[in-house]
Amino acid sequence: MQARPQLGRKFRQEWYQGQAEDVYEALSTSATRSVPYGTFTNVLRTRETNALEPGVRDNKYYARGIGSINELTVHGGNERLDLVDILR
């Protein structure tokens, strides 16, 4: 993940040909997202696609200093992951 994501640019998130071919595009750096752990502002929102699952699109949200707080399949599925706790 870039320190200062450039909106609209696409990057490989995972790459192992035939096994993991995830690509993400940074869509926003100013999203607000609420999950069971709390509400976050200035969140990075990305869209992830995978050549191995051409009909699936995920939106993922990342909070600075925390990491992934929410993942949501928006096309081609119904998966959802939410941050509920941070173990220290």
PDB file of N, CA and C in Angstrom:
ATOM      1  N   MET A   1       0.847  -1.169   0.000  1.00  0.00           N
ATOM      2  CA  MET A   1       0.000   0.000   0.000  1.00  0.00           C
ATOM      3  C   MET A   1       0.894   1.235   0.000  1.00  0.00           C
ATOM      4  N   GLN A   2       0.566   2.187  -0.844  1.00  0.00           N
ATOM      5  CA  GLN A   2       1.339   3.430  -0.890  1.00  0.00           C
ATOM      6  C   GLN A   2       1.075   4.268   0.365  1.00  0.00           C
ATOM      7  N   ALA A   3       2.077   5.039   0.789  1.00  0.00           N
ATOM      8  CA  ALA A   3       1.901   5.947   1.917  1.00  0.00           C
ATOM      9  C   ALA A   3       0.923   7.061   1.561  1.00  0.00           C
ATOM     10  N   ARG A   4       0.971   7.520   0.314  1.00  0.00           N
ATOM     11  CA  ARG A   4       0.052   8.551  -0.194  1.00  0.00           C
ATOM     12  C   ARG A   4      -0.606   8.009  -1.464  1.00  0.00           C
ATOM     13  N   PRO A   5      -1.663   7.248  -1.311  1.00  0.00           N
ATOM     14  CA  PRO A   5      -2.279   6.592  -2.467  1.00  0.00           C
ATOM     15  C   PRO A   5      -2.712   7.592  -3.535  1.00  0.00           C
ATOM     16  N   GLN A   6      -2.452   7.245  -4.765  1.00  0.00           N
ATOM     17  CA  GLN A   6      -2.835   8.073  -5.903  1.00  0.00           C
ATOM     18  C   GLN A   6      -4.166   7.556  -6.432  1.00  0.00           C
ATOM     19  N   LEU A   7      -5.183   8.406  -6.354  1.00  0.00           N
ATOM     20  CA  LEU A   7      -6.515   7.990  -6.773  1.00  0.00           C
ATOM     21  C   LEU A   7      -6.524   7.633  -8.249  1.00  0.00           C
ATOM     22  N   GLY A   8      -7.223   6.548  -8.564  1.00  0.00           N
ATOM     23  CA  GLY A   8      -7.358   6.105  -9.942  1.00  0.00           C
ATOM     24  C   GLY A   8      -6.262   5.181 -10.434  1.00  0.00           C
ATOM     25  N   ARG A   9      -5.143   5.101  -9.732  1.00  0.00           N
ATOM     26  CA  ARG A   9      -4.074   4.184 -10.142  1.00  0.00           C
ATOM     27  C   ARG A   9      -4.379   2.781  -9.659  1.00  0.00           C
ATOM     28  N   LYS A  10      -3.971   1.813 -10.452  1.00  0.00           N
ATOM     29  CA  LYS A  10      -4.171   0.410 -10.098  1.00  0.00           C
ATOM     30  C   LYS A  10      -2.835  -0.217  -9.729  1.00  0.00           C
ATOM     31  N   PHE A  11      -2.880  -1.090  -8.734  1.00  0.00           N
ATOM     32  CA  PHE A  11      -1.687  -1.772  -8.246  1.00  0.00           C
ATOM     33  C   PHE A  11      -2.009  -3.227  -7.956  1.00  0.00           C
ATOM     34  N   ARG A  12      -1.011  -4.064  -8.053  1.00  0.00           N
ATOM     35  CA  ARG A  12      -1.181  -5.458  -7.649  1.00  0.00           C
ATOM     36  C   ARG A  12      -1.172  -5.529  -6.133  1.00  0.00           C
ATOM     37  N   GLN A  13      -2.145  -6.225  -5.614  1.00  0.00           N
ATOM     38  CA  GLN A  13      -2.190  -6.433  -4.174  1.00  0.00           C
ATOM     39  C   GLN A  13      -1.567  -7.779  -3.825  1.00  0.00           C
ATOM     40  N   GLU A  14      -1.869  -8.757  -4.639  1.00  0.00           N
ATOM     41  CA  GLU A  14      -1.265 -10.090  -4.514  1.00  0.00           C
ATOM     42  C   GLU A  14      -0.952 -10.560  -5.921  1.00  0.00           C
ATOM     43  N   TRP A  15       0.125 -11.318  -6.059  1.00  0.00           N
ATOM     44  CA  TRP A  15       0.420 -11.855  -7.381  1.00  0.00           C
ATOM     45  C   TRP A  15       1.128 -13.186  -7.273  1.00  0.00           C
ATOM     46  N   TYR A  16       0.418 -14.211  -7.694  1.00  0.00           N
ATOM     47  CA  TYR A  16       0.981 -15.540  -7.880  1.00  0.00           C
ATOM     48  C   TYR A  16       0.160 -16.127  -9.009  1.00  0.00           C
ATOM     49  N   GLN A  17       0.710 -16.125 -10.195  1.00  0.00           N
ATOM     50  CA  GLN A  17      -0.039 -16.457 -11.394  1.00  0.00           C
ATOM     51  C   GLN A  17      -0.850 -17.738 -11.236  1.00  0.00           C
ATOM     52  N   GLY A  18      -2.134 -17.611 -11.540  1.00  0.00           N
ATOM     53  CA  GLY A  18      -3.040 -18.751 -11.446  1.00  0.00           C
ATOM     54  C   GLY A  18      -3.545 -19.040 -10.042  1.00  0.00           C
ATOM     55  N   GLN A  19      -3.028 -18.344  -9.034  1.00  0.00           N
ATOM     56  CA  GLN A  19      -3.412 -18.580  -7.643  1.00  0.00           C
ATOM     57  C   GLN A  19      -3.971 -17.326  -6.973  1.00  0.00           C
ATOM     58  N   ALA A  20      -3.288 -16.214  -7.132  1.00  0.00           N
ATOM     59  CA  ALA A  20      -3.692 -14.945  -6.506  1.00  0.00           C
ATOM     60  C   ALA A  20      -3.296 -13.819  -7.454  1.00  0.00           C
ATOM     61  N   GLU A  21      -4.286 -13.188  -8.069  1.00  0.00           N
ATOM     62  CA  GLU A  21      -4.021 -12.134  -9.048  1.00  0.00           C
ATOM     63  C   GLU A  21      -4.873 -10.901  -8.725  1.00  0.00           C
ATOM     64  N   ASP A  22      -4.801 -10.453  -7.476  1.00  0.00           N
ATOM     65  CA  ASP A  22      -5.613  -9.338  -7.004  1.00  0.00           C
ATOM     66  C   ASP A  22      -5.018  -7.997  -7.426  1.00  0.00           C
ATOM     67  N   VAL A  23      -5.882  -7.119  -7.893  1.00  0.00           N
ATOM     68  CA  VAL A  23      -5.508  -5.758  -8.278  1.00  0.00           C
ATOM     69  C   VAL A  23      -6.451  -4.810  -7.561  1.00  0.00           C
ATOM     70  N   TYR A  24      -5.903  -3.715  -6.992  1.00  0.00           N
ATOM     71  CA  TYR A  24      -6.772  -2.729  -6.365  1.00  0.00           C
ATOM     72  C   TYR A  24      -6.581  -1.377  -7.010  1.00  0.00           C
ATOM     73  N   GLU A  25      -7.633  -0.566  -6.905  1.00  0.00           N
ATOM     74  CA  GLU A  25      -7.610   0.814  -7.386  1.00  0.00           C
ATOM     75  C   GLU A  25      -8.050   1.703  -6.225  1.00  0.00           C
ATOM     76  N   ALA A  26      -7.259   2.726  -5.926  1.00  0.00           N
ATOM     77  CA  ALA A  26      -7.613   3.666  -4.866  1.00  0.00           C
ATOM     78  C   ALA A  26      -8.731   4.580  -5.373  1.00  0.00           C
ATOM     79  N   LEU A  27      -9.873   4.597  -4.666  1.00  0.00           N
ATOM     80  CA  LEU A  27     -11.022   5.384  -5.082  1.00  0.00           C
ATOM     81  C   LEU A  27     -11.195   6.669  -4.280  1.00  0.00           C
ATOM     82  N   SER A  28     -10.832   6.654  -2.996  1.00  0.00           N
ATOM     83  CA  SER A  28     -11.032   7.822  -2.143  1.00  0.00           C
ATOM     84  C   SER A  28     -10.103   7.739  -0.941  1.00  0.00           C
ATOM     85  N   THR A  29      -9.687   8.888  -0.458  1.00  0.00           N
ATOM     86  CA  THR A  29      -8.910   8.953   0.787  1.00  0.00           C
ATOM     87  C   THR A  29      -9.690   9.699   1.865  1.00  0.00           C
ATOM     88  N   SER A  30     -10.948   9.988   1.602  1.00  0.00           N
ATOM     89  CA  SER A  30     -11.733  10.780   2.548  1.00  0.00           C
ATOM     90  C   SER A  30     -13.050  10.112   2.942  1.00  0.00           C
ATOM     91  N   ALA A  31     -13.102   8.801   2.841  1.00  0.00           N
ATOM     92  CA  ALA A  31     -14.321   8.080   3.211  1.00  0.00           C
ATOM     93  C   ALA A  31     -14.479   8.060   4.733  1.00  0.00           C
ATOM     94  N   THR A  32     -15.698   7.897   5.180  1.00  0.00           N
ATOM     95  CA  THR A  32     -16.009   7.658   6.587  1.00  0.00           C
ATOM     96  C   THR A  32     -16.649   6.274   6.656  1.00  0.00           C
ATOM     97  N   ARG A  33     -16.218   5.475   7.632  1.00  0.00           N
ATOM     98  CA  ARG A  33     -16.721   4.101   7.720  1.00  0.00           C
ATOM     99  C   ARG A  33     -16.939   3.736   9.180  1.00  0.00           C
ATOM    100  N   SER A  34     -18.108   3.172   9.465  1.00  0.00           N
ATOM    101  CA  SER A  34     -18.414   2.683  10.813  1.00  0.00           C
ATOM    102  C   SER A  34     -18.422   1.170  10.808  1.00  0.00           C
ATOM    103  N   VAL A  35     -17.736   0.595  11.772  1.00  0.00           N
ATOM    104  CA  VAL A  35     -17.677  -0.853  11.981  1.00  0.00           C
ATOM    105  C   VAL A  35     -17.892  -1.085  13.479  1.00  0.00           C
ATOM    106  N   PRO A  36     -18.085  -2.313  13.913  1.00  0.00           N
ATOM    107  CA  PRO A  36     -18.313  -2.549  15.344  1.00  0.00           C
ATOM    108  C   PRO A  36     -17.232  -1.946  16.258  1.00  0.00           C
ATOM    109  N   TYR A  37     -16.001  -1.843  15.783  1.00  0.00           N
ATOM    110  CA  TYR A  37     -14.918  -1.303  16.608  1.00  0.00           C
ATOM    111  C   TYR A  37     -15.018   0.204  16.778  1.00  0.00           C
ATOM    112  N   GLY A  38     -15.619   0.906  15.811  1.00  0.00           N
ATOM    113  CA  GLY A  38     -15.737   2.352  15.908  1.00  0.00           C
ATOM    114  C   GLY A  38     -15.970   2.989  14.550  1.00  0.00           C
ATOM    115  N   THR A  39     -16.009   4.310  14.540  1.00  0.00           N
ATOM    116  CA  THR A  39     -16.187   5.080  13.312  1.00  0.00           C
ATOM    117  C   THR A  39     -14.870   5.749  12.962  1.00  0.00           C
ATOM    118  N   PHE A  40     -14.509   5.667  11.693  1.00  0.00           N
ATOM    119  CA  PHE A  40     -13.236   6.190  11.210  1.00  0.00           C
ATOM    120  C   PHE A  40     -13.486   7.205  10.096  1.00  0.00           C
ATOM    121  N   THR A  41     -12.681   8.259  10.070  1.00  0.00           N
ATOM    122  CA  THR A  41     -12.749   9.258   9.013  1.00  0.00           C
ATOM    123  C   THR A  41     -11.439   9.258   8.235  1.00  0.00           C
ATOM    124  N   ASN A  42     -11.462   9.901   7.090  1.00  0.00           N
ATOM    125  CA  ASN A  42     -10.287   9.956   6.210  1.00  0.00           C
ATOM    126  C   ASN A  42      -9.763   8.554   5.898  1.00  0.00           C
ATOM    127  N   VAL A  43     -10.697   7.679   5.601  1.00  0.00           N
ATOM    128  CA  VAL A  43     -10.412   6.280   5.324  1.00  0.00           C
ATOM    129  C   VAL A  43     -10.111   6.101   3.835  1.00  0.00           C
ATOM    130  N   LEU A  44      -9.148   5.252   3.528  1.00  0.00           N
ATOM    131  CA  LEU A  44      -8.843   4.883   2.146  1.00  0.00           C
ATOM    132  C   LEU A  44      -9.859   3.847   1.686  1.00  0.00           C
ATOM    133  N   ARG A  45     -10.525   4.136   0.571  1.00  0.00           N
ATOM    134  CA  ARG A  45     -11.466   3.181  -0.036  1.00  0.00           C
ATOM    135  C   ARG A  45     -10.867   2.677  -1.331  1.00  0.00           C
ATOM    136  N   THR A  46     -10.831   1.361  -1.484  1.00  0.00           N
ATOM    137  CA  THR A  46     -10.306   0.766  -2.710  1.00  0.00           C
ATOM    138  C   THR A  46     -11.338  -0.174  -3.328  1.00  0.00           C
ATOM    139  N   ARG A  47     -11.167  -0.418  -4.599  1.00  0.00           N
ATOM    140  CA  ARG A  47     -11.937  -1.449  -5.305  1.00  0.00           C
ATOM    141  C   ARG A  47     -10.940  -2.525  -5.692  1.00  0.00           C
ATOM    142  N   GLU A  48     -11.259  -3.760  -5.363  1.00  0.00           N
ATOM    143  CA  GLU A  48     -10.363  -4.873  -5.687  1.00  0.00           C
ATOM    144  C   GLU A  48     -11.039  -5.806  -6.683  1.00  0.00           C
ATOM    145  N   THR A  49     -10.277  -6.198  -7.681  1.00  0.00           N
ATOM    146  CA  THR A  49     -10.725  -7.193  -8.650  1.00  0.00           C
ATOM    147  C   THR A  49      -9.671  -8.288  -8.726  1.00  0.00           C
ATOM    148  N   ASN A  50     -10.075  -9.409  -9.323  1.00  0.00           N
ATOM    149  CA  ASN A  50      -9.172 -10.540  -9.423  1.00  0.00           C
ATOM    150  C   ASN A  50      -9.445 -11.231 -10.754  1.00  0.00           C
ATOM    151  N   ALA A  51      -8.425 -11.366 -11.576  1.00  0.00           N
ATOM    152  CA  ALA A  51      -8.582 -11.986 -12.897  1.00  0.00           C
ATOM    153  C   ALA A  51      -9.107 -13.417 -12.800  1.00  0.00           C
ATOM    154  N   LEU A  52      -8.917 -14.061 -11.668  1.00  0.00           N
ATOM    155  CA  LEU A  52      -9.378 -15.431 -11.485  1.00  0.00           C
ATOM    156  C   LEU A  52     -10.862 -15.495 -11.115  1.00  0.00           C
ATOM    157  N   GLU A  53     -11.440 -14.350 -10.724  1.00  0.00           N
ATOM    158  CA  GLU A  53     -12.862 -14.242 -10.399  1.00  0.00           C
ATOM    159  C   GLU A  53     -13.414 -12.999 -11.114  1.00  0.00           C
ATOM    160  N   PRO A  54     -13.567 -13.087 -12.433  1.00  0.00           N
ATOM    161  CA  PRO A  54     -13.875 -11.883 -13.218  1.00  0.00           C
ATOM    162  C   PRO A  54     -15.188 -11.189 -12.873  1.00  0.00           C
ATOM    163  N   GLY A  55     -16.136 -11.856 -12.259  1.00  0.00           N
ATOM    164  CA  GLY A  55     -17.409 -11.224 -11.934  1.00  0.00           C
ATOM    165  C   GLY A  55     -17.490 -10.652 -10.537  1.00  0.00           C
ATOM    166  N   VAL A  56     -16.391 -10.680  -9.785  1.00  0.00           N
ATOM    167  CA  VAL A  56     -16.406 -10.272  -8.382  1.00  0.00           C
ATOM    168  C   VAL A  56     -15.686  -8.935  -8.210  1.00  0.00           C
ATOM    169  N   ARG A  57     -16.323  -8.027  -7.446  1.00  0.00           N
ATOM    170  CA  ARG A  57     -15.689  -6.756  -7.081  1.00  0.00           C
ATOM    171  C   ARG A  57     -15.874  -6.545  -5.582  1.00  0.00           C
ATOM    172  N   ASP A  58     -14.799  -6.178  -4.922  1.00  0.00           N
ATOM    173  CA  ASP A  58     -14.828  -5.885  -3.490  1.00  0.00           C
ATOM    174  C   ASP A  58     -14.460  -4.431  -3.252  1.00  0.00           C
ATOM    175  N   ASN A  59     -15.107  -3.811  -2.272  1.00  0.00           N
ATOM    176  CA  ASN A  59     -14.663  -2.531  -1.750  1.00  0.00           C
ATOM    177  C   ASN A  59     -13.969  -2.821  -0.433  1.00  0.00           C
ATOM    178  N   LYS A  60     -12.822  -2.203  -0.237  1.00  0.00           N
ATOM    179  CA  LYS A  60     -12.080  -2.387   1.009  1.00  0.00           C
ATOM    180  C   LYS A  60     -11.747  -1.025   1.580  1.00  0.00           C
ATOM    181  N   TYR A  61     -11.747  -0.949   2.905  1.00  0.00           N
ATOM    182  CA  TYR A  61     -11.542   0.312   3.612  1.00  0.00           C
ATOM    183  C   TYR A  61     -10.399   0.151   4.605  1.00  0.00           C
ATOM    184  N   TYR A  62      -9.485   1.122   4.594  1.00  0.00           N
ATOM    185  CA  TYR A  62      -8.291   1.076   5.422  1.00  0.00           C
ATOM    186  C   TYR A  62      -8.172   2.363   6.229  1.00  0.00           C
ATOM    187  N   ALA A  63      -7.975   2.232   7.550  1.00  0.00           N
ATOM    188  CA  ALA A  63      -7.786   3.384   8.423  1.00  0.00           C
ATOM    189  C   ALA A  63      -6.303   3.530   8.737  1.00  0.00           C
ATOM    190  N   ARG A  64      -5.821   4.764   8.669  1.00  0.00           N
ATOM    191  CA  ARG A  64      -4.407   5.045   8.958  1.00  0.00           C
ATOM    192  C   ARG A  64      -4.064   4.584  10.383  1.00  0.00           C
ATOM    193  N   GLY A  65      -2.968   3.868  10.504  1.00  0.00           N
ATOM    194  CA  GLY A  65      -2.505   3.393  11.793  1.00  0.00           C
ATOM    195  C   GLY A  65      -3.190   2.116  12.269  1.00  0.00           C
ATOM    196  N   ILE A  66      -4.246   1.692  11.576  1.00  0.00           N
ATOM    197  CA  ILE A  66      -4.978   0.483  11.949  1.00  0.00           C
ATOM    198  C   ILE A  66      -4.811  -0.592  10.884  1.00  0.00           C
ATOM    199  N   GLY A  67      -5.118  -0.231   9.645  1.00  0.00           N
ATOM    200  CA  GLY A  67      -5.107  -1.184   8.532  1.00  0.00           C
ATOM    201  C   GLY A  67      -6.522  -1.442   8.063  1.00  0.00           C
ATOM    202  N   SER A  68      -6.781  -2.639   7.612  1.00  0.00           N
ATOM    203  CA  SER A  68      -8.094  -3.000   7.078  1.00  0.00           C
ATOM    204  C   SER A  68      -9.151  -2.965   8.176  1.00  0.00           C
ATOM    205  N   ILE A  69     -10.244  -2.199   7.921  1.00  0.00           N
ATOM    206  CA  ILE A  69     -11.325  -2.143   8.897  1.00  0.00           C
ATOM    207  C   ILE A  69     -12.620  -2.739   8.351  1.00  0.00           C
ATOM    208  N   ASN A  70     -12.730  -2.824   7.006  1.00  0.00           N
ATOM    209  CA  ASN A  70     -13.965  -3.342   6.419  1.00  0.00           C
ATOM    210  C   ASN A  70     -13.693  -3.819   5.003  1.00  0.00           C
ATOM    211  N   GLU A  71     -14.272  -4.955   4.655  1.00  0.00           N
ATOM    212  CA  GLU A  71     -14.238  -5.492   3.290  1.00  0.00           C
ATOM    213  C   GLU A  71     -15.651  -5.915   2.940  1.00  0.00           C
ATOM    214  N   LEU A  72     -16.089  -5.556   1.721  1.00  0.00           N
ATOM    215  CA  LEU A  72     -17.455  -5.807   1.321  1.00  0.00           C
ATOM    216  C   LEU A  72     -17.497  -6.178  -0.148  1.00  0.00           C
ATOM    217  N   THR A  73     -18.048  -7.350  -0.462  1.00  0.00           N
ATOM    218  CA  THR A  73     -18.228  -7.733  -1.857  1.00  0.00           C
ATOM    219  C   THR A  73     -19.433  -6.974  -2.381  1.00  0.00           C
ATOM    220  N   VAL A  74     -19.218  -6.175  -3.435  1.00  0.00           N
ATOM    221  CA  VAL A  74     -20.291  -5.335  -3.970  1.00  0.00           C
ATOM    222  C   VAL A  74     -20.857  -5.873  -5.273  1.00  0.00           C
ATOM    223  N   HIS A  75     -20.195  -6.867  -5.853  1.00  0.00           N
ATOM    224  CA  HIS A  75     -20.710  -7.493  -7.075  1.00  0.00           C
ATOM    225  C   HIS A  75     -20.181  -8.911  -7.155  1.00  0.00           C
ATOM    226  N   GLY A  76     -21.070  -9.870  -7.382  1.00  0.00           N
ATOM    227  CA  GLY A  76     -20.650 -11.248  -7.590  1.00  0.00           C
ATOM    228  C   GLY A  76     -20.483 -12.072  -6.337  1.00  0.00           C
ATOM    229  N   GLY A  77     -21.032 -11.632  -5.248  1.00  0.00           N
ATOM    230  CA  GLY A  77     -20.912 -12.388  -4.003  1.00  0.00           C
ATOM    231  C   GLY A  77     -21.566 -11.637  -2.865  1.00  0.00           C
ATOM    232  N   ASN A  78     -21.357 -12.128  -1.640  1.00  0.00           N
ATOM    233  CA  ASN A  78     -21.976 -11.470  -0.489  1.00  0.00           C
ATOM    234  C   ASN A  78     -21.099 -11.566   0.753  1.00  0.00           C
ATOM    235  N   GLU A  79     -19.802 -11.457   0.602  1.00  0.00           N
ATOM    236  CA  GLU A  79     -18.903 -11.524   1.751  1.00  0.00           C
ATOM    237  C   GLU A  79     -18.763 -10.159   2.407  1.00  0.00           C
ATOM    238  N   ARG A  80     -18.569 -10.168   3.718  1.00  0.00           N
ATOM    239  CA  ARG A  80     -18.351  -8.937   4.466  1.00  0.00           C
ATOM    240  C   ARG A  80     -17.466  -9.255   5.663  1.00  0.00           C
ATOM    241  N   LEU A  81     -16.486  -8.402   5.879  1.00  0.00           N
ATOM    242  CA  LEU A  81     -15.615  -8.514   7.060  1.00  0.00           C
ATOM    243  C   LEU A  81     -15.575  -7.151   7.734  1.00  0.00           C
ATOM    244  N   ASP A  82     -15.721  -7.136   9.066  1.00  0.00           N
ATOM    245  CA  ASP A  82     -15.678  -5.898   9.848  1.00  0.00           C
ATOM    246  C   ASP A  82     -14.694  -6.044  10.984  1.00  0.00           C
ATOM    247  N   LEU A  83     -13.983  -4.956  11.276  1.00  0.00           N
ATOM    248  CA  LEU A  83     -13.107  -4.930  12.441  1.00  0.00           C
ATOM    249  C   LEU A  83     -13.963  -4.850  13.690  1.00  0.00           C
ATOM    250  N   VAL A  84     -13.783  -5.783  14.604  1.00  0.00           N
ATOM    251  CA  VAL A  84     -14.570  -5.786  15.839  1.00  0.00           C
ATOM    252  C   VAL A  84     -13.701  -5.554  17.073  1.00  0.00           C
ATOM    253  N   ASP A  85     -12.385  -5.810  16.961  1.00  0.00           N
ATOM    254  CA  ASP A  85     -11.513  -5.656  18.124  1.00  0.00           C
ATOM    255  C   ASP A  85     -10.066  -5.611  17.666  1.00  0.00           C
ATOM    256  N   ILE A  86      -9.228  -5.024  18.479  1.00  0.00           N
ATOM    257  CA  ILE A  86      -7.788  -5.032  18.253  1.00  0.00           C
ATOM    258  C   ILE A  86      -7.160  -5.640  19.497  1.00  0.00           C
ATOM    259  N   LEU A  87      -6.460  -6.721  19.330  1.00  0.00           N
ATOM    260  CA  LEU A  87      -5.794  -7.388  20.445  1.00  0.00           C
ATOM    261  C   LEU A  87      -4.395  -6.842  20.580  1.00  0.00           C
ATOM    262  N   ARG A  88      -4.016  -6.523  21.766  1.00  0.00           N
ATOM    263  CA  ARG A  88      -2.669  -5.948  22.005  1.00  0.00           C
ATOM    264  C   ARG A  88      -1.858  -6.873  22.848  1.00  0.00           C
TER     265      ARG A  88
END
